[in-house]
Amino acid sequence: MIILSSILGLLVVILLVHVLTTRSRLDGATKQIDLLNATLKAEEALAISRTRCLNEAESAKADLYKQRTELQERLADAEEVEHEKACLFIARREQEIRADAIAKSKQVQKGFSAEHFAPFQMEFNPRDFRHAGDPVDYLVYAGGTDIKDGTSDRIEEILFLDIKTGQADLNKTQRRIRDAVVEGRVTFATWNPDTNILRRYPNESATLLTSQDSSDRKS
């Protein structure tokens, strides 16, 4: 009986050890399964997140492409509009320039015509006109022809005459000539190249011109 009791006790101990070992193994396997499930879930979540990010990136790329296309179309439209405006402006300016050139040409032609026909349109004898051109158009010796013809012995008037048409006005040199005439700074003089003497009237003062005097007068 003692031997049988010992055998039974040993079997119980062996059974307990086996149960405990099996339970420990089951617990370890359960933990491994839980860890594997957690890993699978994490990988699944990562895959979902990556797919979502790829979709969002593709969507953002499509939006950017669409926006770029719209901007390019707007830019092309704006460039076309600006080009049309520029062409219209150039055409208008060309018309204005041509019209202005035609008007100025007509004005110049009118001035030339007036300058050439002035001696025949004024009250003086046309043969009394002497064309100077610059800085005034004519010197008019009123009565000079009558003296040559013997019908008179007097110069009635000497004119510094410039022909103006439209809104034209005297230039600076012409204004200074006008002022000199108005202020009486006009003199008749003769010069003898043999003696190099300049004689002024009415006081008939004679001046011997030197080379320096000639240079000063030219300057």
N, C-alpha and C. Protein backbone atom coordinates (compact mmCIF):
# COMPACT_ATOMS: atom_id res chain seq x y z
N MET A 1 0.84 -1.20 0.00
CA MET A 1 0.00 0.00 0.00
C MET A 1 0.87 1.25 0.00
N ILE A 2 1.91 1.17 0.73
CA ILE A 2 2.82 2.32 0.82
C ILE A 2 3.40 2.61 -0.54
N ILE A 3 3.76 1.55 -1.25
CA ILE A 3 4.35 1.72 -2.58
C ILE A 3 3.34 2.30 -3.54
N LEU A 4 2.09 1.84 -3.43
CA LEU A 4 1.04 2.33 -4.32
C LEU A 4 0.77 3.80 -4.05
N SER A 5 0.77 4.16 -2.78
CA SER A 5 0.52 5.57 -2.41
C SER A 5 1.65 6.44 -2.95
N SER A 6 2.86 5.94 -2.87
CA SER A 6 4.00 6.73 -3.38
C SER A 6 3.90 6.92 -4.89
N ILE A 7 3.49 5.86 -5.58
CA ILE A 7 3.36 5.94 -7.05
C ILE A 7 2.28 6.94 -7.43
N LEU A 8 1.13 6.86 -6.70
CA LEU A 8 0.05 7.79 -6.98
C LEU A 8 0.47 9.23 -6.73
N GLY A 9 1.20 9.42 -5.63
CA GLY A 9 1.66 10.79 -5.32
C GLY A 9 2.61 11.30 -6.39
N LEU A 10 3.50 10.41 -6.88
CA LEU A 10 4.44 10.81 -7.93
C LEU A 10 3.69 11.16 -9.22
N LEU A 11 2.65 10.34 -9.52
CA LEU A 11 1.87 10.61 -10.73
C LEU A 11 1.15 11.96 -10.61
N VAL A 12 0.66 12.26 -9.43
CA VAL A 12 -0.05 13.54 -9.23
C VAL A 12 0.91 14.70 -9.43
N VAL A 13 2.13 14.48 -8.87
CA VAL A 13 3.14 15.56 -9.02
C VAL A 13 3.49 15.75 -10.49
N ILE A 14 3.71 14.65 -11.19
CA ILE A 14 4.05 14.72 -12.62
C ILE A 14 2.93 15.42 -13.40
N LEU A 15 1.67 15.04 -13.04
CA LEU A 15 0.54 15.62 -13.72
C LEU A 15 0.46 17.12 -13.49
N LEU A 16 0.72 17.53 -12.21
CA LEU A 16 0.69 18.96 -11.88
C LEU A 16 1.77 19.73 -12.65
N VAL A 17 2.95 19.11 -12.70
CA VAL A 17 4.06 19.76 -13.44
C VAL A 17 3.71 19.90 -14.93
N HIS A 18 3.09 18.82 -15.45
CA HIS A 18 2.72 18.86 -16.87
C HIS A 18 1.68 19.93 -17.13
N VAL A 19 0.71 20.02 -16.21
CA VAL A 19 -0.36 21.01 -16.38
C VAL A 19 0.22 22.42 -16.32
N LEU A 20 1.10 22.61 -15.33
CA LEU A 20 1.71 23.95 -15.18
C LEU A 20 2.56 24.30 -16.40
N THR A 21 3.30 23.32 -16.89
CA THR A 21 4.15 23.58 -18.07
C THR A 21 3.30 23.89 -19.30
N THR A 22 2.23 23.08 -19.45
CA THR A 22 1.35 23.31 -20.60
C THR A 22 0.69 24.68 -20.51
N ARG A 23 0.25 25.04 -19.29
CA ARG A 23 -0.38 26.36 -19.13
C ARG A 23 0.59 27.49 -19.44
N SER A 24 1.84 27.33 -19.01
CA SER A 24 2.87 28.34 -19.27
C SER A 24 3.10 28.48 -20.78
N ARG A 25 3.15 27.32 -21.45
CA ARG A 25 3.32 27.37 -22.90
C ARG A 25 2.14 28.05 -23.59
N LEU A 26 0.94 27.71 -23.08
CA LEU A 26 -0.26 28.34 -23.67
C LEU A 26 -0.24 29.85 -23.47
N ASP A 27 0.19 30.27 -22.27
CA ASP A 27 0.27 31.73 -22.01
C ASP A 27 1.28 32.40 -22.95
N GLY A 28 2.42 31.74 -23.17
CA GLY A 28 3.43 32.31 -24.08
C GLY A 28 2.92 32.38 -25.51
N ALA A 29 2.21 31.33 -25.91
CA ALA A 29 1.66 31.32 -27.27
C ALA A 29 0.60 32.40 -27.44
N THR A 30 -0.20 32.57 -26.36
CA THR A 30 -1.25 33.61 -26.41
C THR A 30 -0.62 34.99 -26.55
N LYS A 31 0.46 35.23 -25.81
CA LYS A 31 1.14 36.52 -25.90
C LYS A 31 1.72 36.74 -27.30
N GLN A 32 2.29 35.67 -27.87
CA GLN A 32 2.85 35.79 -29.22
C GLN A 32 1.76 36.10 -30.25
N ILE A 33 0.60 35.41 -30.03
CA ILE A 33 -0.53 35.65 -30.94
C ILE A 33 -1.00 37.10 -30.82
N ASP A 34 -1.12 37.59 -29.55
CA ASP A 34 -1.54 38.99 -29.34
C ASP A 34 -0.54 39.96 -29.98
N LEU A 35 0.75 39.68 -29.82
CA LEU A 35 1.78 40.55 -30.40
C LEU A 35 1.70 40.54 -31.93
N LEU A 36 1.46 39.32 -32.47
CA LEU A 36 1.34 39.21 -33.92
C LEU A 36 0.13 39.97 -34.43
N ASN A 37 -0.98 39.85 -33.68
CA ASN A 37 -2.19 40.59 -34.09
C ASN A 37 -1.97 42.10 -34.04
N ALA A 38 -1.28 42.54 -32.96
CA ALA A 38 -0.99 43.98 -32.85
C ALA A 38 -0.10 44.45 -33.99
N THR A 39 0.88 43.60 -34.35
CA THR A 39 1.77 43.97 -35.46
C THR A 39 1.00 44.04 -36.77
N LEU A 40 0.12 43.05 -36.98
CA LEU A 40 -0.68 43.05 -38.21
C LEU A 40 -1.58 44.27 -38.28
N LYS A 41 -2.19 44.62 -37.11
CA LYS A 41 -3.06 45.81 -37.09
C LYS A 41 -2.25 47.08 -37.38
N ALA A 42 -1.05 47.16 -36.80
CA ALA A 42 -0.21 48.33 -37.05
C ALA A 42 0.18 48.43 -38.51
N GLU A 43 0.56 47.27 -39.10
CA GLU A 43 0.91 47.28 -40.52
C GLU A 43 -0.28 47.65 -41.39
N GLU A 44 -1.46 47.15 -40.99
CA GLU A 44 -2.67 47.48 -41.74
C GLU A 44 -2.98 48.96 -41.66
N ALA A 45 -2.84 49.52 -40.42
CA ALA A 45 -3.09 50.95 -40.24
C ALA A 45 -2.07 51.77 -41.04
N LEU A 46 -0.81 51.31 -41.05
CA LEU A 46 0.23 52.00 -41.80
C LEU A 46 -0.06 51.97 -43.30
N ALA A 47 -0.52 50.80 -43.77
CA ALA A 47 -0.86 50.67 -45.18
C ALA A 47 -2.02 51.59 -45.55
N ILE A 48 -3.01 51.64 -44.66
CA ILE A 48 -4.16 52.53 -44.92
C ILE A 48 -3.71 53.99 -44.95
N SER A 49 -2.85 54.34 -43.95
CA SER A 49 -2.36 55.72 -43.89
C SER A 49 -1.53 56.06 -45.12
N ARG A 50 -0.69 55.13 -45.57
CA ARG A 50 0.13 55.37 -46.75
C ARG A 50 -0.76 55.53 -47.98
N THR A 51 -1.77 54.67 -48.09
CA THR A 51 -2.69 54.78 -49.23
C THR A 51 -3.41 56.12 -49.22
N ARG A 52 -3.83 56.55 -48.02
CA ARG A 52 -4.52 57.84 -47.90
C ARG A 52 -3.59 58.98 -48.30
N CYS A 53 -2.34 58.90 -47.83
CA CYS A 53 -1.37 59.95 -48.17
C CYS A 53 -1.12 59.99 -49.68
N LEU A 54 -1.02 58.80 -50.30
CA LEU A 54 -0.81 58.76 -51.74
C LEU A 54 -2.00 59.35 -52.48
N ASN A 55 -3.21 59.02 -52.00
CA ASN A 55 -4.41 59.57 -52.63
C ASN A 55 -4.46 61.09 -52.49
N GLU A 56 -4.13 61.56 -51.27
CA GLU A 56 -4.13 63.01 -51.06
C GLU A 56 -3.07 63.70 -51.91
N ALA A 57 -1.89 63.05 -52.03
CA ALA A 57 -0.83 63.62 -52.87
C ALA A 57 -1.27 63.68 -54.33
N GLU A 58 -1.91 62.60 -54.81
CA GLU A 58 -2.39 62.61 -56.18
C GLU A 58 -3.45 63.68 -56.39
N SER A 59 -4.33 63.82 -55.37
CA SER A 59 -5.37 64.84 -55.47
C SER A 59 -4.76 66.25 -55.48
N ALA A 60 -3.76 66.46 -54.58
CA ALA A 60 -3.10 67.76 -54.55
C ALA A 60 -2.37 68.03 -55.86
N LYS A 61 -1.75 67.01 -56.42
CA LYS A 61 -1.05 67.15 -57.70
C LYS A 61 -2.02 67.52 -58.80
N ALA A 62 -3.19 66.86 -58.80
CA ALA A 62 -4.20 67.15 -59.81
C ALA A 62 -4.71 68.59 -59.65
N ASP A 63 -4.91 69.01 -58.38
CA ASP A 63 -5.36 70.39 -58.14
C ASP A 63 -4.32 71.40 -58.62
N LEU A 64 -3.05 71.13 -58.31
CA LEU A 64 -1.98 72.04 -58.74
C LEU A 64 -1.91 72.11 -60.27
N TYR A 65 -2.06 70.97 -60.92
CA TYR A 65 -2.03 70.94 -62.39
C TYR A 65 -3.20 71.75 -62.95
N LYS A 66 -4.36 71.59 -62.32
CA LYS A 66 -5.55 72.32 -62.76
C LYS A 66 -5.35 73.83 -62.58
N GLN A 67 -4.82 74.21 -61.39
CA GLN A 67 -4.57 75.63 -61.12
C GLN A 67 -3.54 76.20 -62.10
N ARG A 68 -2.48 75.41 -62.37
CA ARG A 68 -1.46 75.88 -63.31
C ARG A 68 -2.06 76.07 -64.70
N THR A 69 -2.90 75.13 -65.10
CA THR A 69 -3.55 75.24 -66.42
C THR A 69 -4.43 76.48 -66.48
N GLU A 70 -5.20 76.72 -65.40
CA GLU A 70 -6.05 77.91 -65.37
C GLU A 70 -5.23 79.19 -65.42
N LEU A 71 -4.12 79.21 -64.65
CA LEU A 71 -3.26 80.40 -64.67
C LEU A 71 -2.65 80.62 -66.04
N GLN A 72 -2.23 79.54 -66.69
CA GLN A 72 -1.66 79.67 -68.03
C GLN A 72 -2.69 80.21 -69.01
N GLU A 73 -3.94 79.72 -68.87
CA GLU A 73 -5.00 80.20 -69.76
C GLU A 73 -5.29 81.68 -69.50
N ARG A 74 -5.32 82.06 -68.20
CA ARG A 74 -5.56 83.47 -67.88
C ARG A 74 -4.42 84.34 -68.40
N LEU A 75 -3.18 83.83 -68.23
CA LEU A 75 -2.04 84.60 -68.71
C LEU A 75 -2.08 84.75 -70.22
N ALA A 76 -2.45 83.68 -70.91
CA ALA A 76 -2.55 83.75 -72.37
C ALA A 76 -3.63 84.75 -72.78
N ASP A 77 -4.77 84.72 -72.06
CA ASP A 77 -5.85 85.67 -72.36
C ASP A 77 -5.39 87.10 -72.10
N ALA A 78 -4.69 87.30 -70.95
CA ALA A 78 -4.21 88.64 -70.63
C ALA A 78 -3.20 89.13 -71.66
N GLU A 79 -2.29 88.23 -72.08
CA GLU A 79 -1.31 88.61 -73.10
C GLU A 79 -2.00 88.96 -74.41
N GLU A 80 -3.03 88.20 -74.76
CA GLU A 80 -3.75 88.49 -76.00
C GLU A 80 -4.44 89.85 -75.92
N VAL A 81 -5.05 90.11 -74.74
CA VAL A 81 -5.73 91.40 -74.56
C VAL A 81 -4.72 92.55 -74.64
N GLU A 82 -3.57 92.38 -73.94
CA GLU A 82 -2.55 93.43 -73.96
C GLU A 82 -1.99 93.61 -75.36
N HIS A 83 -1.83 92.51 -76.08
CA HIS A 83 -1.33 92.61 -77.46
C HIS A 83 -2.32 93.38 -78.33
N GLU A 84 -3.61 93.09 -78.16
CA GLU A 84 -4.62 93.81 -78.93
C GLU A 84 -4.62 95.30 -78.57
N LYS A 85 -4.47 95.58 -77.24
CA LYS A 85 -4.42 96.98 -76.82
C LYS A 85 -3.20 97.68 -77.42
N ALA A 86 -2.06 96.98 -77.39
CA ALA A 86 -0.83 97.57 -77.94
C ALA A 86 -0.98 97.83 -79.43
N CYS A 87 -1.55 96.87 -80.15
CA CYS A 87 -1.75 97.05 -81.59
C CYS A 87 -2.69 98.21 -81.87
N LEU A 88 -3.76 98.31 -81.06
CA LEU A 88 -4.71 99.39 -81.24
C LEU A 88 -4.05 100.74 -80.95
N PHE A 89 -3.23 100.77 -79.86
CA PHE A 89 -2.54 102.02 -79.51
C PHE A 89 -1.57 102.43 -80.61
N ILE A 90 -0.82 101.43 -81.13
CA ILE A 90 0.15 101.73 -82.20
C ILE A 90 -0.58 102.24 -83.44
N ALA A 91 -1.71 101.60 -83.76
CA ALA A 91 -2.46 102.03 -84.94
C ALA A 91 -2.97 103.46 -84.77
N ARG A 92 -3.48 103.76 -83.55
CA ARG A 92 -3.98 105.12 -83.30
C ARG A 92 -2.84 106.13 -83.37
N ARG A 93 -1.70 105.78 -82.72
CA ARG A 93 -0.56 106.69 -82.74
C ARG A 93 -0.05 106.90 -84.16
N GLU A 94 -0.06 105.83 -84.94
CA GLU A 94 0.39 105.95 -86.33
C GLU A 94 -0.52 106.89 -87.10
N GLN A 95 -1.83 106.77 -86.86
CA GLN A 95 -2.77 107.66 -87.52
C GLN A 95 -2.55 109.11 -87.08
N GLU A 96 -2.34 109.28 -85.74
CA GLU A 96 -2.12 110.63 -85.22
C GLU A 96 -0.83 111.22 -85.79
N ILE A 97 0.24 110.39 -85.82
CA ILE A 97 1.53 110.88 -86.34
C ILE A 97 1.41 111.25 -87.80
N ARG A 98 0.71 110.39 -88.56
CA ARG A 98 0.54 110.70 -89.98
C ARG A 98 -0.28 111.96 -90.18
N ALA A 99 -1.36 112.08 -89.39
CA ALA A 99 -2.19 113.27 -89.50
C ALA A 99 -1.40 114.52 -89.12
N ASP A 100 -0.60 114.40 -88.04
CA ASP A 100 0.21 115.53 -87.62
C ASP A 100 1.26 115.87 -88.67
N ALA A 101 1.88 114.84 -89.26
CA ALA A 101 2.89 115.07 -90.29
C ALA A 101 2.26 115.75 -91.51
N ILE A 102 1.06 115.28 -91.88
CA ILE A 102 0.37 115.89 -93.03
C ILE A 102 0.03 117.34 -92.74
N ALA A 103 -0.45 117.58 -91.50
CA ALA A 103 -0.81 118.96 -91.12
C ALA A 103 0.42 119.86 -91.14
N LYS A 104 1.54 119.33 -90.57
CA LYS A 104 2.77 120.14 -90.55
C LYS A 104 3.29 120.36 -91.96
N SER A 105 3.19 119.31 -92.79
CA SER A 105 3.63 119.46 -94.17
C SER A 105 2.81 120.52 -94.89
N LYS A 106 1.51 120.49 -94.67
CA LYS A 106 0.65 121.50 -95.29
C LYS A 106 1.00 122.89 -94.78
N GLN A 107 1.29 122.96 -93.45
CA GLN A 107 1.63 124.25 -92.87
C GLN A 107 2.95 124.78 -93.44
N VAL A 108 3.93 123.85 -93.60
CA VAL A 108 5.21 124.25 -94.18
C VAL A 108 5.02 124.70 -95.62
N GLN A 109 4.25 123.92 -96.37
CA GLN A 109 3.99 124.30 -97.77
C GLN A 109 3.27 125.65 -97.84
N LYS A 110 2.35 125.84 -96.90
CA LYS A 110 1.64 127.12 -96.86
C LYS A 110 2.61 128.25 -96.56
N GLY A 111 3.55 127.96 -95.60
CA GLY A 111 4.53 128.98 -95.27
C GLY A 111 5.43 129.32 -96.45
N PHE A 112 5.89 128.26 -97.17
CA PHE A 112 6.73 128.50 -98.34
C PHE A 112 5.97 129.30 -99.40
N SER A 113 4.73 128.91 -99.60
CA SER A 113 3.92 129.61 -100.60
C SER A 113 3.73 131.08 -100.20
N ALA A 114 3.41 131.28 -98.90
CA ALA A 114 3.21 132.64 -98.44
C ALA A 114 4.49 133.46 -98.58
N GLU A 115 5.65 132.79 -98.27
CA GLU A 115 6.94 133.48 -98.36
C GLU A 115 7.25 133.88 -99.81
N HIS A 116 6.96 132.99 -100.77
CA HIS A 116 7.28 133.27 -102.16
C HIS A 116 6.32 134.29 -102.80
N PHE A 117 5.06 134.25 -102.37
CA PHE A 117 4.07 135.13 -103.00
C PHE A 117 3.86 136.43 -102.22
N ALA A 118 4.50 136.56 -101.06
CA ALA A 118 4.32 137.77 -100.25
C ALA A 118 4.65 139.05 -101.02
N PRO A 119 5.76 139.10 -101.78
CA PRO A 119 6.06 140.35 -102.50
C PRO A 119 4.96 140.79 -103.46
N PHE A 120 4.16 139.85 -103.93
CA PHE A 120 3.11 140.18 -104.89
C PHE A 120 1.75 140.42 -104.22
N GLN A 121 1.69 140.22 -102.92
CA GLN A 121 0.42 140.36 -102.21
C GLN A 121 0.41 141.58 -101.29
N MET A 122 1.57 142.15 -101.03
CA MET A 122 1.64 143.27 -100.10
C MET A 122 1.56 144.60 -100.86
N GLU A 123 1.53 145.68 -100.14
CA GLU A 123 1.34 147.01 -100.73
C GLU A 123 2.61 147.57 -101.37
N PHE A 124 3.75 146.90 -101.16
CA PHE A 124 5.01 147.42 -101.69
C PHE A 124 5.25 146.91 -103.10
N ASN A 125 6.18 147.59 -103.77
CA ASN A 125 6.60 147.15 -105.09
C ASN A 125 7.37 145.84 -104.95
N PRO A 126 6.98 144.80 -105.67
CA PRO A 126 7.67 143.51 -105.52
C PRO A 126 9.17 143.61 -105.77
N ARG A 127 9.58 144.57 -106.63
CA ARG A 127 10.99 144.69 -106.93
C ARG A 127 11.79 145.33 -105.79
N ASP A 128 11.08 145.84 -104.77
CA ASP A 128 11.77 146.41 -103.60
C ASP A 128 12.15 145.33 -102.59
N PHE A 129 11.70 144.09 -102.82
CA PHE A 129 11.99 142.99 -101.88
C PHE A 129 13.35 142.37 -102.21
N ARG A 130 14.13 142.11 -101.18
CA ARG A 130 15.38 141.39 -101.31
C ARG A 130 15.33 140.20 -100.35
N HIS A 131 15.40 139.01 -100.93
CA HIS A 131 15.28 137.80 -100.10
C HIS A 131 16.55 137.58 -99.28
N ALA A 132 16.39 137.44 -97.96
CA ALA A 132 17.51 137.17 -97.06
C ALA A 132 17.49 135.72 -96.56
N GLY A 133 16.28 135.24 -96.29
CA GLY A 133 16.13 133.84 -95.88
C GLY A 133 16.32 133.62 -94.39
N ASP A 134 17.45 134.07 -93.86
CA ASP A 134 17.73 133.85 -92.44
C ASP A 134 18.61 134.99 -91.94
N PRO A 135 18.31 135.58 -90.80
CA PRO A 135 17.27 135.19 -89.85
C PRO A 135 15.87 135.74 -90.17
N VAL A 136 15.76 136.68 -91.15
CA VAL A 136 14.45 137.13 -91.59
C VAL A 136 14.33 136.81 -93.08
N ASP A 137 13.09 136.77 -93.56
CA ASP A 137 12.87 136.36 -94.94
C ASP A 137 13.28 137.44 -95.95
N TYR A 138 12.91 138.70 -95.68
CA TYR A 138 13.14 139.75 -96.67
C TYR A 138 13.66 141.02 -96.00
N LEU A 139 14.43 141.76 -96.76
CA LEU A 139 14.67 143.18 -96.51
C LEU A 139 13.91 143.94 -97.59
N VAL A 140 13.07 144.87 -97.18
CA VAL A 140 12.24 145.62 -98.13
C VAL A 140 12.70 147.07 -98.13
N TYR A 141 13.12 147.53 -99.27
CA TYR A 141 13.53 148.93 -99.43
C TYR A 141 12.41 149.65 -100.16
N ALA A 142 11.44 150.13 -99.41
CA ALA A 142 10.25 150.76 -100.00
C ALA A 142 10.66 152.06 -100.71
N GLY A 143 10.49 152.07 -102.00
CA GLY A 143 10.86 153.25 -102.81
C GLY A 143 12.14 153.06 -103.57
N GLY A 144 12.85 151.97 -103.36
CA GLY A 144 14.13 151.77 -104.05
C GLY A 144 13.97 151.65 -105.54
N THR A 145 12.95 150.95 -105.98
CA THR A 145 12.71 150.79 -107.42
C THR A 145 12.35 152.12 -108.06
N ASP A 146 11.56 152.95 -107.34
CA ASP A 146 11.18 154.27 -107.87
C ASP A 146 12.41 155.16 -108.05
N ILE A 147 13.39 155.00 -107.16
CA ILE A 147 14.63 155.79 -107.31
C ILE A 147 15.36 155.35 -108.56
N LYS A 148 15.44 154.02 -108.76
CA LYS A 148 16.10 153.54 -109.98
C LYS A 148 15.36 154.00 -111.23
N ASP A 149 14.02 154.04 -111.17
CA ASP A 149 13.22 154.44 -112.32
C ASP A 149 13.21 155.96 -112.51
N GLY A 150 13.69 156.70 -111.52
CA GLY A 150 13.72 158.16 -111.62
C GLY A 150 12.43 158.82 -111.26
N THR A 151 11.48 158.08 -110.69
CA THR A 151 10.19 158.67 -110.31
C THR A 151 10.18 159.16 -108.87
N SER A 152 11.24 158.89 -108.14
CA SER A 152 11.30 159.33 -106.74
C SER A 152 12.76 159.43 -106.35
N ASP A 153 13.00 160.16 -105.28
CA ASP A 153 14.38 160.31 -104.80
C ASP A 153 14.45 160.03 -103.30
N ARG A 154 13.55 159.15 -102.84
CA ARG A 154 13.47 158.94 -101.39
C ARG A 154 13.10 157.49 -101.08
N ILE A 155 13.81 156.90 -100.12
CA ILE A 155 13.42 155.60 -99.57
C ILE A 155 12.39 155.89 -98.48
N GLU A 156 11.18 155.41 -98.70
CA GLU A 156 10.13 155.70 -97.75
C GLU A 156 10.29 154.90 -96.44
N GLU A 157 10.79 153.69 -96.58
CA GLU A 157 10.85 152.84 -95.39
C GLU A 157 11.74 151.63 -95.69
N ILE A 158 12.46 151.16 -94.68
CA ILE A 158 13.23 149.92 -94.78
C ILE A 158 12.66 148.93 -93.77
N LEU A 159 12.27 147.77 -94.26
CA LEU A 159 11.62 146.78 -93.39
C LEU A 159 12.48 145.52 -93.28
N PHE A 160 12.60 145.03 -92.06
CA PHE A 160 13.08 143.66 -91.82
C PHE A 160 11.82 142.80 -91.75
N LEU A 161 11.53 142.08 -92.80
CA LEU A 161 10.23 141.41 -92.93
C LEU A 161 10.39 139.90 -92.84
N ASP A 162 9.61 139.28 -91.97
CA ASP A 162 9.57 137.82 -91.88
C ASP A 162 8.13 137.37 -92.05
N ILE A 163 7.91 136.34 -92.84
CA ILE A 163 6.56 135.86 -93.15
C ILE A 163 6.17 134.78 -92.14
N LYS A 164 5.04 134.97 -91.47
CA LYS A 164 4.54 134.01 -90.49
C LYS A 164 3.13 133.58 -90.86
N THR A 165 2.86 132.28 -90.72
CA THR A 165 1.51 131.75 -90.98
C THR A 165 1.04 130.99 -89.75
N GLY A 166 -0.28 130.88 -89.62
CA GLY A 166 -0.85 130.12 -88.51
C GLY A 166 -0.46 130.71 -87.17
N GLN A 167 -0.01 129.83 -86.26
CA GLN A 167 0.37 130.25 -84.91
C GLN A 167 1.88 130.47 -84.78
N ALA A 168 2.59 130.53 -85.88
CA ALA A 168 4.05 130.71 -85.83
C ALA A 168 4.39 132.06 -85.20
N ASP A 169 5.52 132.10 -84.49
CA ASP A 169 5.95 133.31 -83.81
C ASP A 169 7.43 133.54 -84.09
N LEU A 170 7.92 134.71 -83.73
CA LEU A 170 9.33 135.03 -83.92
C LEU A 170 10.20 134.14 -83.05
N ASN A 171 11.35 133.72 -83.60
CA ASN A 171 12.30 133.01 -82.76
C ASN A 171 13.14 134.02 -81.98
N LYS A 172 14.07 133.52 -81.17
CA LYS A 172 14.82 134.41 -80.29
C LYS A 172 15.65 135.43 -81.07
N THR A 173 16.34 134.97 -82.12
CA THR A 173 17.16 135.88 -82.92
C THR A 173 16.30 136.96 -83.56
N GLN A 174 15.15 136.56 -84.09
CA GLN A 174 14.26 137.54 -84.73
C GLN A 174 13.74 138.55 -83.72
N ARG A 175 13.46 138.09 -82.50
CA ARG A 175 13.00 139.03 -81.46
C ARG A 175 14.09 140.03 -81.12
N ARG A 176 15.34 139.58 -81.08
CA ARG A 176 16.44 140.50 -80.74
C ARG A 176 16.66 141.50 -81.88
N ILE A 177 16.48 141.06 -83.14
CA ILE A 177 16.57 142.00 -84.26
C ILE A 177 15.45 143.04 -84.15
N ARG A 178 14.25 142.59 -83.84
CA ARG A 178 13.13 143.51 -83.65
C ARG A 178 13.44 144.54 -82.57
N ASP A 179 14.00 144.08 -81.44
CA ASP A 179 14.31 144.99 -80.34
C ASP A 179 15.36 146.02 -80.76
N ALA A 180 16.38 145.56 -81.52
CA ALA A 180 17.43 146.48 -81.96
C ALA A 180 16.85 147.57 -82.86
N VAL A 181 15.93 147.18 -83.75
CA VAL A 181 15.31 148.16 -84.64
C VAL A 181 14.45 149.13 -83.84
N VAL A 182 13.63 148.60 -82.91
CA VAL A 182 12.74 149.45 -82.12
C VAL A 182 13.54 150.42 -81.26
N GLU A 183 14.68 149.97 -80.74
CA GLU A 183 15.50 150.81 -79.85
C GLU A 183 16.47 151.69 -80.63
N GLY A 184 16.45 151.66 -81.95
CA GLY A 184 17.29 152.53 -82.75
C GLY A 184 18.73 152.08 -82.89
N ARG A 185 19.02 150.83 -82.61
CA ARG A 185 20.39 150.33 -82.73
C ARG A 185 20.63 149.76 -84.12
N VAL A 186 20.30 150.57 -85.13
CA VAL A 186 20.49 150.19 -86.53
C VAL A 186 21.36 151.26 -87.20
N THR A 187 22.39 150.82 -87.87
CA THR A 187 23.37 151.77 -88.45
C THR A 187 23.65 151.40 -89.90
N PHE A 188 23.84 152.43 -90.72
CA PHE A 188 24.31 152.23 -92.10
C PHE A 188 25.81 152.43 -92.09
N ALA A 189 26.55 151.54 -92.77
CA ALA A 189 28.01 151.65 -92.75
C ALA A 189 28.58 151.17 -94.07
N THR A 190 29.80 151.62 -94.34
CA THR A 190 30.55 151.15 -95.51
C THR A 190 31.90 150.65 -95.05
N TRP A 191 32.42 149.72 -95.83
CA TRP A 191 33.75 149.18 -95.49
C TRP A 191 34.59 149.11 -96.75
N ASN A 192 35.81 149.65 -96.65
CA ASN A 192 36.74 149.66 -97.76
C ASN A 192 37.78 148.57 -97.52
N PRO A 193 37.81 147.51 -98.31
CA PRO A 193 38.78 146.46 -98.08
C PRO A 193 40.22 146.88 -98.34
N ASP A 194 40.39 147.95 -99.16
CA ASP A 194 41.76 148.40 -99.43
C ASP A 194 42.38 149.04 -98.19
N THR A 195 41.54 149.78 -97.45
CA THR A 195 42.06 150.47 -96.24
C THR A 195 41.63 149.77 -94.95
N ASN A 196 40.73 148.82 -95.11
CA ASN A 196 40.19 148.11 -93.94
C ASN A 196 39.53 149.08 -92.96
N ILE A 197 38.84 150.10 -93.51
CA ILE A 197 38.19 151.11 -92.68
C ILE A 197 36.69 150.91 -92.75
N LEU A 198 36.05 150.89 -91.59
CA LEU A 198 34.59 150.81 -91.48
C LEU A 198 34.07 152.20 -91.15
N ARG A 199 33.21 152.73 -92.00
CA ARG A 199 32.67 154.08 -91.79
C ARG A 199 31.18 153.99 -91.47
N ARG A 200 30.80 154.58 -90.34
CA ARG A 200 29.42 154.55 -89.88
C ARG A 200 28.74 155.89 -90.15
N TYR A 201 27.48 155.84 -90.43
CA TYR A 201 26.67 157.04 -90.67
C TYR A 201 25.54 157.07 -89.64
N PRO A 202 25.01 158.25 -89.24
CA PRO A 202 25.16 159.55 -89.94
C PRO A 202 26.38 160.37 -89.52
N ASN A 203 27.07 160.00 -88.41
CA ASN A 203 28.18 160.84 -87.97
C ASN A 203 29.45 160.60 -88.76
N GLU A 204 29.42 159.60 -89.70
CA GLU A 204 30.55 159.32 -90.57
C GLU A 204 31.83 159.06 -89.80
N SER A 205 31.73 158.42 -88.66
CA SER A 205 32.93 158.06 -87.89
C SER A 205 33.61 156.90 -88.57
N ALA A 206 34.94 156.98 -88.69
CA ALA A 206 35.72 155.94 -89.36
C ALA A 206 36.48 155.14 -88.33
N THR A 207 36.50 153.84 -88.53
CA THR A 207 37.20 152.95 -87.62
C THR A 207 38.10 152.04 -88.43
N LEU A 208 39.40 152.01 -88.03
CA LEU A 208 40.33 151.11 -88.67
C LEU A 208 40.21 149.75 -88.01
N LEU A 209 39.78 148.77 -88.77
CA LEU A 209 39.58 147.43 -88.23
C LEU A 209 40.89 146.69 -88.19
N THR A 210 41.20 146.11 -87.05
CA THR A 210 42.36 145.23 -86.91
C THR A 210 41.91 143.79 -87.03
N SER A 211 42.89 142.90 -87.09
CA SER A 211 42.55 141.47 -87.17
C SER A 211 41.78 141.03 -85.94
N GLN A 212 42.17 141.59 -84.78
CA GLN A 212 41.47 141.23 -83.54
C GLN A 212 40.03 141.71 -83.58
N ASP A 213 39.81 142.95 -84.13
CA ASP A 213 38.44 143.47 -84.25
C ASP A 213 37.59 142.57 -85.13
N SER A 214 38.16 142.11 -86.24
CA SER A 214 37.42 141.24 -87.13
C SER A 214 37.06 139.93 -86.46
N SER A 215 38.03 139.40 -85.69
CA SER A 215 37.77 138.13 -84.98
C SER A 215 36.69 138.32 -83.93
N ASP A 216 36.74 139.46 -83.21
CA ASP A 216 35.74 139.71 -82.16
C ASP A 216 34.36 139.84 -82.78
N ARG A 217 34.26 140.51 -83.93
CA ARG A 217 32.95 140.67 -84.55
C ARG A 217 32.39 139.35 -85.06
N LYS A 218 33.25 138.50 -85.58
CA LYS A 218 32.79 137.20 -86.05
C LYS A 218 32.34 136.34 -84.90
N SER A 219 33.02 136.45 -83.76
CA SER A 219 32.62 135.62 -82.60
C SER A 219 31.38 136.16 -81.97
